[in-house]
Amino acid sequence: MPTLTGAQLAHALQEPQRAFLTQVLRTLGPERCDALLTATLLCEAQGGMRTTAGTRRTPGGVCLSLVRHHVTPAEHTQLFARTRQRPGPPLTTAALQALVRTVLLGDATVTVTLTGRPALHTIRLQETYALFRLCGKTPASLPTGLPPVPGQTPIPWLVVIALQQWTKVQARLTAQADAQLLIVGHPVLASDGTCVLLAQQCTPLVPQRALQAAQGGA
């Protein structure tokens, strides 16, 4: 039986990070990697694996998740530990204001993505659109090297969604108490300082366990 190579593993998983898979292969050995590849392909054949956000993982993502759960602590450190960097100095309010004044402004197409669940009793229906509010959460961590922003607080958003879009997702929210919405839209800062998101896409996210329960009861 031919020995599994990093290139073969990357090709089978449709995964561009060949160097990392080669490192996994060297750390775990061909036999364990072959078993993980078989488990990955079996998982894909049975419908795949979902992320915490409800989206389907890529085959490489499935294999990576399996690797994380089937390695020893020493192997986990060898594969996933990153070289720690000293945190940079905090970004002061004065430094932030100076950057805003001196950094040149460029053009960009801007979208904002919100994931959350509005309180159904707070929805305001208008003639052609619906309104509700969501509040962002402070991130648990930021990428290494980013300084903390002074006075950082969660940002409340007023979401405006076309009534036709809202009608499509309302039934799912009503039927599934733990369903959420993935909303992508154009951000606008109103004259009174309110952050408004004009929804362009709105997709319901239902936890995998709820989908499995629904399929099992069908």
C-alpha atoms as a PDB file:
ATOM      1  CA  MET A   1       0.000   0.000   0.000  1.00  0.00           C
ATOM      2  CA  PRO A   2       1.558   3.341  -1.073  1.00  0.00           C
ATOM      3  CA  THR A   3       2.566   5.691   1.742  1.00  0.00           C
ATOM      4  CA  LEU A   4       0.264   8.685   2.086  1.00  0.00           C
ATOM      5  CA  THR A   5       1.931  12.000   1.207  1.00  0.00           C
ATOM      6  CA  GLY A   6       1.083  15.587   2.134  1.00  0.00           C
ATOM      7  CA  ALA A   7       0.246  16.351  -1.492  1.00  0.00           C
ATOM      8  CA  GLN A   8      -2.172  13.414  -1.673  1.00  0.00           C
ATOM      9  CA  LEU A   9      -3.779  14.455   1.610  1.00  0.00           C
ATOM     10  CA  ALA A  10      -4.191  18.049   0.402  1.00  0.00           C
ATOM     11  CA  HIS A  11      -5.685  16.883  -2.901  1.00  0.00           C
ATOM     12  CA  ALA A  12      -8.159  14.520  -1.247  1.00  0.00           C
ATOM     13  CA  LEU A  13      -9.288  17.235   1.177  1.00  0.00           C
ATOM     14  CA  GLN A  14      -9.289  20.021  -1.450  1.00  0.00           C
ATOM     15  CA  GLU A  15      -7.163  21.921   1.051  1.00  0.00           C
ATOM     16  CA  PRO A  16      -4.650  24.592  -0.111  1.00  0.00           C
ATOM     17  CA  GLN A  17      -2.619  24.509   3.135  1.00  0.00           C
ATOM     18  CA  ARG A  18      -0.376  21.680   1.966  1.00  0.00           C
ATOM     19  CA  ALA A  19       2.521  22.673   4.238  1.00  0.00           C
ATOM     20  CA  PHE A  20       0.378  22.358   7.359  1.00  0.00           C
ATOM     21  CA  LEU A  21      -1.029  18.999   6.261  1.00  0.00           C
ATOM     22  CA  THR A  22       2.526  17.801   5.663  1.00  0.00           C
ATOM     23  CA  GLN A  23       3.325  18.815   9.239  1.00  0.00           C
ATOM     24  CA  VAL A  24       0.264  16.888  10.453  1.00  0.00           C
ATOM     25  CA  LEU A  25       1.436  13.871   8.477  1.00  0.00           C
ATOM     26  CA  ARG A  26       4.922  14.046   9.985  1.00  0.00           C
ATOM     27  CA  THR A  27       3.529  14.437  13.508  1.00  0.00           C
ATOM     28  CA  LEU A  28       0.834  11.764  13.424  1.00  0.00           C
ATOM     29  CA  GLY A  29       2.237   9.365  10.871  1.00  0.00           C
ATOM     30  CA  PRO A  30       0.662   7.897   7.706  1.00  0.00           C
ATOM     31  CA  GLU A  31      -1.569   5.329   9.431  1.00  0.00           C
ATOM     32  CA  ARG A  32      -3.320   7.809  11.733  1.00  0.00           C
ATOM     33  CA  CYS A  33      -3.646  10.376   8.951  1.00  0.00           C
ATOM     34  CA  ASP A  34      -5.128   7.731   6.654  1.00  0.00           C
ATOM     35  CA  ALA A  35      -7.684   6.916   9.363  1.00  0.00           C
ATOM     36  CA  LEU A  36      -8.501  10.615   9.789  1.00  0.00           C
ATOM     37  CA  LEU A  37      -8.887  10.992   6.018  1.00  0.00           C
ATOM     38  CA  THR A  38     -11.277   8.020   5.931  1.00  0.00           C
ATOM     39  CA  ALA A  39     -13.304   9.498   8.804  1.00  0.00           C
ATOM     40  CA  THR A  40     -13.416  12.860   7.012  1.00  0.00           C
ATOM     41  CA  LEU A  41     -14.688  11.381   3.760  1.00  0.00           C
ATOM     42  CA  LEU A  42     -17.283   9.330   5.660  1.00  0.00           C
ATOM     43  CA  CYS A  43     -18.454  12.485   7.465  1.00  0.00           C
ATOM     44  CA  GLU A  44     -18.722  14.311   4.119  1.00  0.00           C
ATOM     45  CA  ALA A  45     -20.753  11.447   2.632  1.00  0.00           C
ATOM     46  CA  GLN A  46     -23.170  11.676   5.570  1.00  0.00           C
ATOM     47  CA  GLY A  47     -23.840  15.396   5.141  1.00  0.00           C
ATOM     48  CA  GLY A  48     -20.680  16.993   6.468  1.00  0.00           C
ATOM     49  CA  MET A  49     -19.942  18.890   9.650  1.00  0.00           C
ATOM     50  CA  ARG A  50     -21.304  22.305  10.653  1.00  0.00           C
ATOM     51  CA  THR A  51     -19.506  25.197  12.275  1.00  0.00           C
ATOM     52  CA  THR A  52     -20.898  26.899  15.374  1.00  0.00           C
ATOM     53  CA  ALA A  53     -22.402  29.499  13.022  1.00  0.00           C
ATOM     54  CA  GLY A  54     -24.347  26.804  11.170  1.00  0.00           C
ATOM     55  CA  THR A  55     -22.373  26.841   7.917  1.00  0.00           C
ATOM     56  CA  ARG A  56     -20.909  23.648   6.462  1.00  0.00           C
ATOM     57  CA  ARG A  57     -17.212  23.040   6.977  1.00  0.00           C
ATOM     58  CA  THR A  58     -14.930  22.357   4.046  1.00  0.00           C
ATOM     59  CA  PRO A  59     -13.421  18.854   3.884  1.00  0.00           C
ATOM     60  CA  GLY A  60     -10.159  20.350   5.139  1.00  0.00           C
ATOM     61  CA  GLY A  61     -12.024  21.985   8.008  1.00  0.00           C
ATOM     62  CA  VAL A  62     -13.661  18.676   8.937  1.00  0.00           C
ATOM     63  CA  CYS A  63     -10.283  16.933   8.990  1.00  0.00           C
ATOM     64  CA  LEU A  64      -8.751  19.744  11.058  1.00  0.00           C
ATOM     65  CA  SER A  65     -11.558  19.438  13.598  1.00  0.00           C
ATOM     66  CA  LEU A  66     -10.992  15.682  13.821  1.00  0.00           C
ATOM     67  CA  VAL A  67      -7.252  16.221  14.230  1.00  0.00           C
ATOM     68  CA  ARG A  68      -7.835  18.592  17.153  1.00  0.00           C
ATOM     69  CA  HIS A  69      -9.903  15.942  18.946  1.00  0.00           C
ATOM     70  CA  HIS A  70      -7.631  12.959  18.244  1.00  0.00           C
ATOM     71  CA  VAL A  71      -4.169  14.182  19.212  1.00  0.00           C
ATOM     72  CA  THR A  72      -2.299  14.099  22.471  1.00  0.00           C
ATOM     73  CA  PRO A  73      -1.664  17.369  24.354  1.00  0.00           C
ATOM     74  CA  ALA A  74       1.961  17.318  23.190  1.00  0.00           C
ATOM     75  CA  GLU A  75       0.931  16.813  19.561  1.00  0.00           C
ATOM     76  CA  HIS A  76      -1.682  19.567  19.865  1.00  0.00           C
ATOM     77  CA  THR A  77       0.977  21.974  21.118  1.00  0.00           C
ATOM     78  CA  GLN A  78       3.330  20.964  18.329  1.00  0.00           C
ATOM     79  CA  LEU A  79       0.702  21.487  15.627  1.00  0.00           C
ATOM     80  CA  PHE A  80      -1.341  24.428  16.867  1.00  0.00           C
ATOM     81  CA  ALA A  81       0.714  26.417  19.364  1.00  0.00           C
ATOM     82  CA  ARG A  82       1.699  29.797  17.993  1.00  0.00           C
ATOM     83  CA  THR A  83       4.742  31.776  18.956  1.00  0.00           C
ATOM     84  CA  ARG A  84       3.537  34.261  21.500  1.00  0.00           C
ATOM     85  CA  GLN A  85       4.166  37.894  20.761  1.00  0.00           C
ATOM     86  CA  ARG A  86       4.326  40.613  23.313  1.00  0.00           C
ATOM     87  CA  PRO A  87       1.180  42.742  23.101  1.00  0.00           C
ATOM     88  CA  GLY A  88       1.704  46.182  21.655  1.00  0.00           C
ATOM     89  CA  PRO A  89       1.030  49.342  23.602  1.00  0.00           C
ATOM     90  CA  PRO A  90      -2.645  50.302  23.944  1.00  0.00           C
ATOM     91  CA  LEU A  91      -3.988  52.715  21.354  1.00  0.00           C
ATOM     92  CA  THR A  92      -4.738  55.906  23.264  1.00  0.00           C
ATOM     93  CA  THR A  93      -7.560  58.261  22.373  1.00  0.00           C
ATOM     94  CA  ALA A  94      -5.054  60.949  21.361  1.00  0.00           C
ATOM     95  CA  ALA A  95      -3.156  58.531  19.112  1.00  0.00           C
ATOM     96  CA  LEU A  96      -6.399  57.331  17.549  1.00  0.00           C
ATOM     97  CA  GLN A  97      -7.513  60.889  16.777  1.00  0.00           C
ATOM     98  CA  ALA A  98      -4.092  61.670  15.299  1.00  0.00           C
ATOM     99  CA  LEU A  99      -4.333  58.653  13.021  1.00  0.00           C
ATOM    100  CA  VAL A 100      -7.782  59.684  11.827  1.00  0.00           C
ATOM    101  CA  ARG A 101      -6.459  63.138  10.926  1.00  0.00           C
ATOM    102  CA  THR A 102      -3.284  61.987   9.174  1.00  0.00           C
ATOM    103  CA  VAL A 103      -4.044  58.670   7.457  1.00  0.00           C
ATOM    104  CA  LEU A 104      -5.215  59.166   3.880  1.00  0.00           C
ATOM    105  CA  LEU A 105      -8.770  58.150   3.062  1.00  0.00           C
ATOM    106  CA  GLY A 106      -9.293  55.483   0.422  1.00  0.00           C
ATOM    107  CA  ASP A 107     -12.353  54.183  -1.408  1.00  0.00           C
ATOM    108  CA  ALA A 108     -13.961  50.919  -0.349  1.00  0.00           C
ATOM    109  CA  THR A 109     -17.096  48.861  -0.776  1.00  0.00           C
ATOM    110  CA  VAL A 110     -18.315  48.305   2.774  1.00  0.00           C
ATOM    111  CA  THR A 111     -20.572  45.583   4.134  1.00  0.00           C
ATOM    112  CA  VAL A 112     -21.268  44.584   7.716  1.00  0.00           C
ATOM    113  CA  THR A 113     -22.275  41.095   8.858  1.00  0.00           C
ATOM    114  CA  LEU A 114     -24.413  40.584  11.940  1.00  0.00           C
ATOM    115  CA  THR A 115     -25.308  37.225  13.448  1.00  0.00           C
ATOM    116  CA  GLY A 116     -28.011  37.232  16.095  1.00  0.00           C
ATOM    117  CA  ARG A 117     -31.642  36.824  16.979  1.00  0.00           C
ATOM    118  CA  PRO A 118     -33.988  39.781  17.421  1.00  0.00           C
ATOM    119  CA  ALA A 119     -36.662  39.682  20.100  1.00  0.00           C
ATOM    120  CA  LEU A 120     -39.774  38.921  18.050  1.00  0.00           C
ATOM    121  CA  HIS A 121     -42.041  41.136  20.161  1.00  0.00           C
ATOM    122  CA  THR A 122     -39.854  44.157  19.358  1.00  0.00           C
ATOM    123  CA  ILE A 123     -40.146  43.919  15.555  1.00  0.00           C
ATOM    124  CA  ARG A 124     -41.650  47.054  13.998  1.00  0.00           C
ATOM    125  CA  LEU A 125     -43.434  46.447  10.699  1.00  0.00           C
ATOM    126  CA  GLN A 126     -43.781  49.268   8.212  1.00  0.00           C
ATOM    127  CA  GLU A 127     -45.436  49.321   4.807  1.00  0.00           C
ATOM    128  CA  THR A 128     -42.413  47.994   2.881  1.00  0.00           C
ATOM    129  CA  TYR A 129     -39.842  47.071   5.526  1.00  0.00           C
ATOM    130  CA  ALA A 130     -39.309  45.773   9.051  1.00  0.00           C
ATOM    131  CA  LEU A 131     -37.153  47.241  11.826  1.00  0.00           C
ATOM    132  CA  PHE A 132     -35.409  45.648  14.766  1.00  0.00           C
ATOM    133  CA  ARG A 133     -32.347  46.215  16.920  1.00  0.00           C
ATOM    134  CA  LEU A 134     -29.302  44.044  17.591  1.00  0.00           C
ATOM    135  CA  CYS A 135     -26.329  44.842  19.788  1.00  0.00           C
ATOM    136  CA  GLY A 136     -22.835  43.705  18.931  1.00  0.00           C
ATOM    137  CA  LYS A 137     -20.733  41.806  21.454  1.00  0.00           C
ATOM    138  CA  THR A 138     -17.220  42.701  22.521  1.00  0.00           C
ATOM    139  CA  PRO A 139     -14.867  40.128  20.916  1.00  0.00           C
ATOM    140  CA  ALA A 140     -13.336  37.627  23.285  1.00  0.00           C
ATOM    141  CA  SER A 141      -9.949  38.136  21.650  1.00  0.00           C
ATOM    142  CA  LEU A 142      -8.307  40.007  18.802  1.00  0.00           C
ATOM    143  CA  PRO A 143      -5.517  38.921  16.439  1.00  0.00           C
ATOM    144  CA  THR A 144      -2.044  39.235  17.876  1.00  0.00           C
ATOM    145  CA  GLY A 145      -0.593  42.682  17.304  1.00  0.00           C
ATOM    146  CA  LEU A 146      -3.843  44.643  17.357  1.00  0.00           C
ATOM    147  CA  PRO A 147      -3.910  47.244  20.127  1.00  0.00           C
ATOM    148  CA  PRO A 148      -7.001  47.593  22.306  1.00  0.00           C
ATOM    149  CA  VAL A 149      -9.195  50.492  21.240  1.00  0.00           C
ATOM    150  CA  PRO A 150      -9.890  53.000  24.037  1.00  0.00           C
ATOM    151  CA  GLY A 151     -13.435  53.077  25.368  1.00  0.00           C
ATOM    152  CA  GLN A 152     -14.466  50.084  23.257  1.00  0.00           C
ATOM    153  CA  THR A 153     -18.133  49.232  23.825  1.00  0.00           C
ATOM    154  CA  PRO A 154     -20.575  47.016  21.910  1.00  0.00           C
ATOM    155  CA  ILE A 155     -22.256  48.808  18.997  1.00  0.00           C
ATOM    156  CA  PRO A 156     -26.074  48.761  18.841  1.00  0.00           C
ATOM    157  CA  TRP A 157     -27.485  48.428  15.316  1.00  0.00           C
ATOM    158  CA  LEU A 158     -30.857  49.354  13.904  1.00  0.00           C
ATOM    159  CA  VAL A 159     -31.504  46.755  11.199  1.00  0.00           C
ATOM    160  CA  VAL A 160     -33.787  47.681   8.299  1.00  0.00           C
ATOM    161  CA  ILE A 161     -34.908  44.715   6.200  1.00  0.00           C
ATOM    162  CA  ALA A 162     -37.285  44.612   3.245  1.00  0.00           C
ATOM    163  CA  LEU A 163     -40.663  43.203   4.239  1.00  0.00           C
ATOM    164  CA  GLN A 164     -40.414  40.491   1.582  1.00  0.00           C
ATOM    165  CA  GLN A 165     -37.111  39.300   3.077  1.00  0.00           C
ATOM    166  CA  TRP A 166     -38.456  39.447   6.616  1.00  0.00           C
ATOM    167  CA  THR A 167     -41.508  37.378   5.727  1.00  0.00           C
ATOM    168  CA  LYS A 168     -39.245  34.586   4.438  1.00  0.00           C
ATOM    169  CA  VAL A 169     -37.242  34.290   7.681  1.00  0.00           C
ATOM    170  CA  GLN A 170     -39.921  35.132  10.252  1.00  0.00           C
ATOM    171  CA  ALA A 171     -41.503  31.674  10.129  1.00  0.00           C
ATOM    172  CA  ARG A 172     -38.166  29.989  10.825  1.00  0.00           C
ATOM    173  CA  LEU A 173     -37.481  32.245  13.815  1.00  0.00           C
ATOM    174  CA  THR A 174     -40.947  31.558  15.178  1.00  0.00           C
ATOM    175  CA  ALA A 175     -40.645  27.784  14.730  1.00  0.00           C
ATOM    176  CA  GLN A 176     -37.088  27.460  16.102  1.00  0.00           C
ATOM    177  CA  ALA A 177     -36.447  29.191  19.423  1.00  0.00           C
ATOM    178  CA  ASP A 178     -32.655  28.953  18.976  1.00  0.00           C
ATOM    179  CA  ALA A 179     -32.530  29.948  15.293  1.00  0.00           C
ATOM    180  CA  GLN A 180     -30.526  33.047  14.438  1.00  0.00           C
ATOM    181  CA  LEU A 181     -30.146  35.339  11.443  1.00  0.00           C
ATOM    182  CA  LEU A 182     -27.063  35.952   9.353  1.00  0.00           C
ATOM    183  CA  ILE A 183     -27.518  39.482   8.024  1.00  0.00           C
ATOM    184  CA  VAL A 184     -25.235  41.146   5.490  1.00  0.00           C
ATOM    185  CA  GLY A 185     -25.878  44.738   4.579  1.00  0.00           C
ATOM    186  CA  HIS A 186     -24.728  48.281   3.950  1.00  0.00           C
ATOM    187  CA  PRO A 187     -23.916  50.297   7.100  1.00  0.00           C
ATOM    188  CA  VAL A 188     -25.096  53.887   7.471  1.00  0.00           C
ATOM    189  CA  LEU A 189     -24.413  56.352  10.276  1.00  0.00           C
ATOM    190  CA  ALA A 190     -27.561  58.415  10.859  1.00  0.00           C
ATOM    191  CA  SER A 191     -27.322  62.123  11.712  1.00  0.00           C
ATOM    192  CA  ASP A 192     -28.137  61.374  15.370  1.00  0.00           C
ATOM    193  CA  GLY A 193     -25.297  58.834  15.615  1.00  0.00           C
ATOM    194  CA  THR A 194     -27.452  55.702  15.202  1.00  0.00           C
ATOM    195  CA  CYS A 195     -25.720  52.846  13.373  1.00  0.00           C
ATOM    196  CA  VAL A 196     -28.139  51.583  10.727  1.00  0.00           C
ATOM    197  CA  LEU A 197     -27.712  48.410   8.690  1.00  0.00           C
ATOM    198  CA  LEU A 198     -29.659  48.238   5.430  1.00  0.00           C
ATOM    199  CA  ALA A 199     -29.998  44.481   4.958  1.00  0.00           C
ATOM    200  CA  GLN A 200     -29.029  43.113   1.555  1.00  0.00           C
ATOM    201  CA  GLN A 201     -29.021  39.418   2.530  1.00  0.00           C
ATOM    202  CA  CYS A 202     -30.778  37.685   5.404  1.00  0.00           C
ATOM    203  CA  THR A 203     -30.319  33.960   6.017  1.00  0.00           C
ATOM    204  CA  PRO A 204     -31.747  31.911   8.907  1.00  0.00           C
ATOM    205  CA  LEU A 205     -29.223  29.791  10.812  1.00  0.00           C
ATOM    206  CA  VAL A 206     -30.646  26.728  12.534  1.00  0.00           C
ATOM    207  CA  PRO A 207     -28.406  24.652  14.864  1.00  0.00           C
ATOM    208  CA  GLN A 208     -27.471  21.255  13.476  1.00  0.00           C
ATOM    209  CA  ARG A 209     -29.192  19.445  16.342  1.00  0.00           C
ATOM    210  CA  ALA A 210     -32.486  21.165  15.484  1.00  0.00           C
ATOM    211  CA  LEU A 211     -32.180  20.107  11.839  1.00  0.00           C
ATOM    212  CA  GLN A 212     -31.450  16.527  12.876  1.00  0.00           C
ATOM    213  CA  ALA A 213     -34.460  16.514  15.202  1.00  0.00           C
ATOM    214  CA  ALA A 214     -36.695  17.839  12.436  1.00  0.00           C
ATOM    215  CA  GLN A 215     -35.421  15.220   9.976  1.00  0.00           C
ATOM    216  CA  GLY A 216     -35.855  12.474  12.539  1.00  0.00           C
ATOM    217  CA  GLY A 217     -39.465  13.470  13.162  1.00  0.00           C
ATOM    218  CA  ALA A 218     -40.281  13.656   9.468  1.00  0.00           C
END
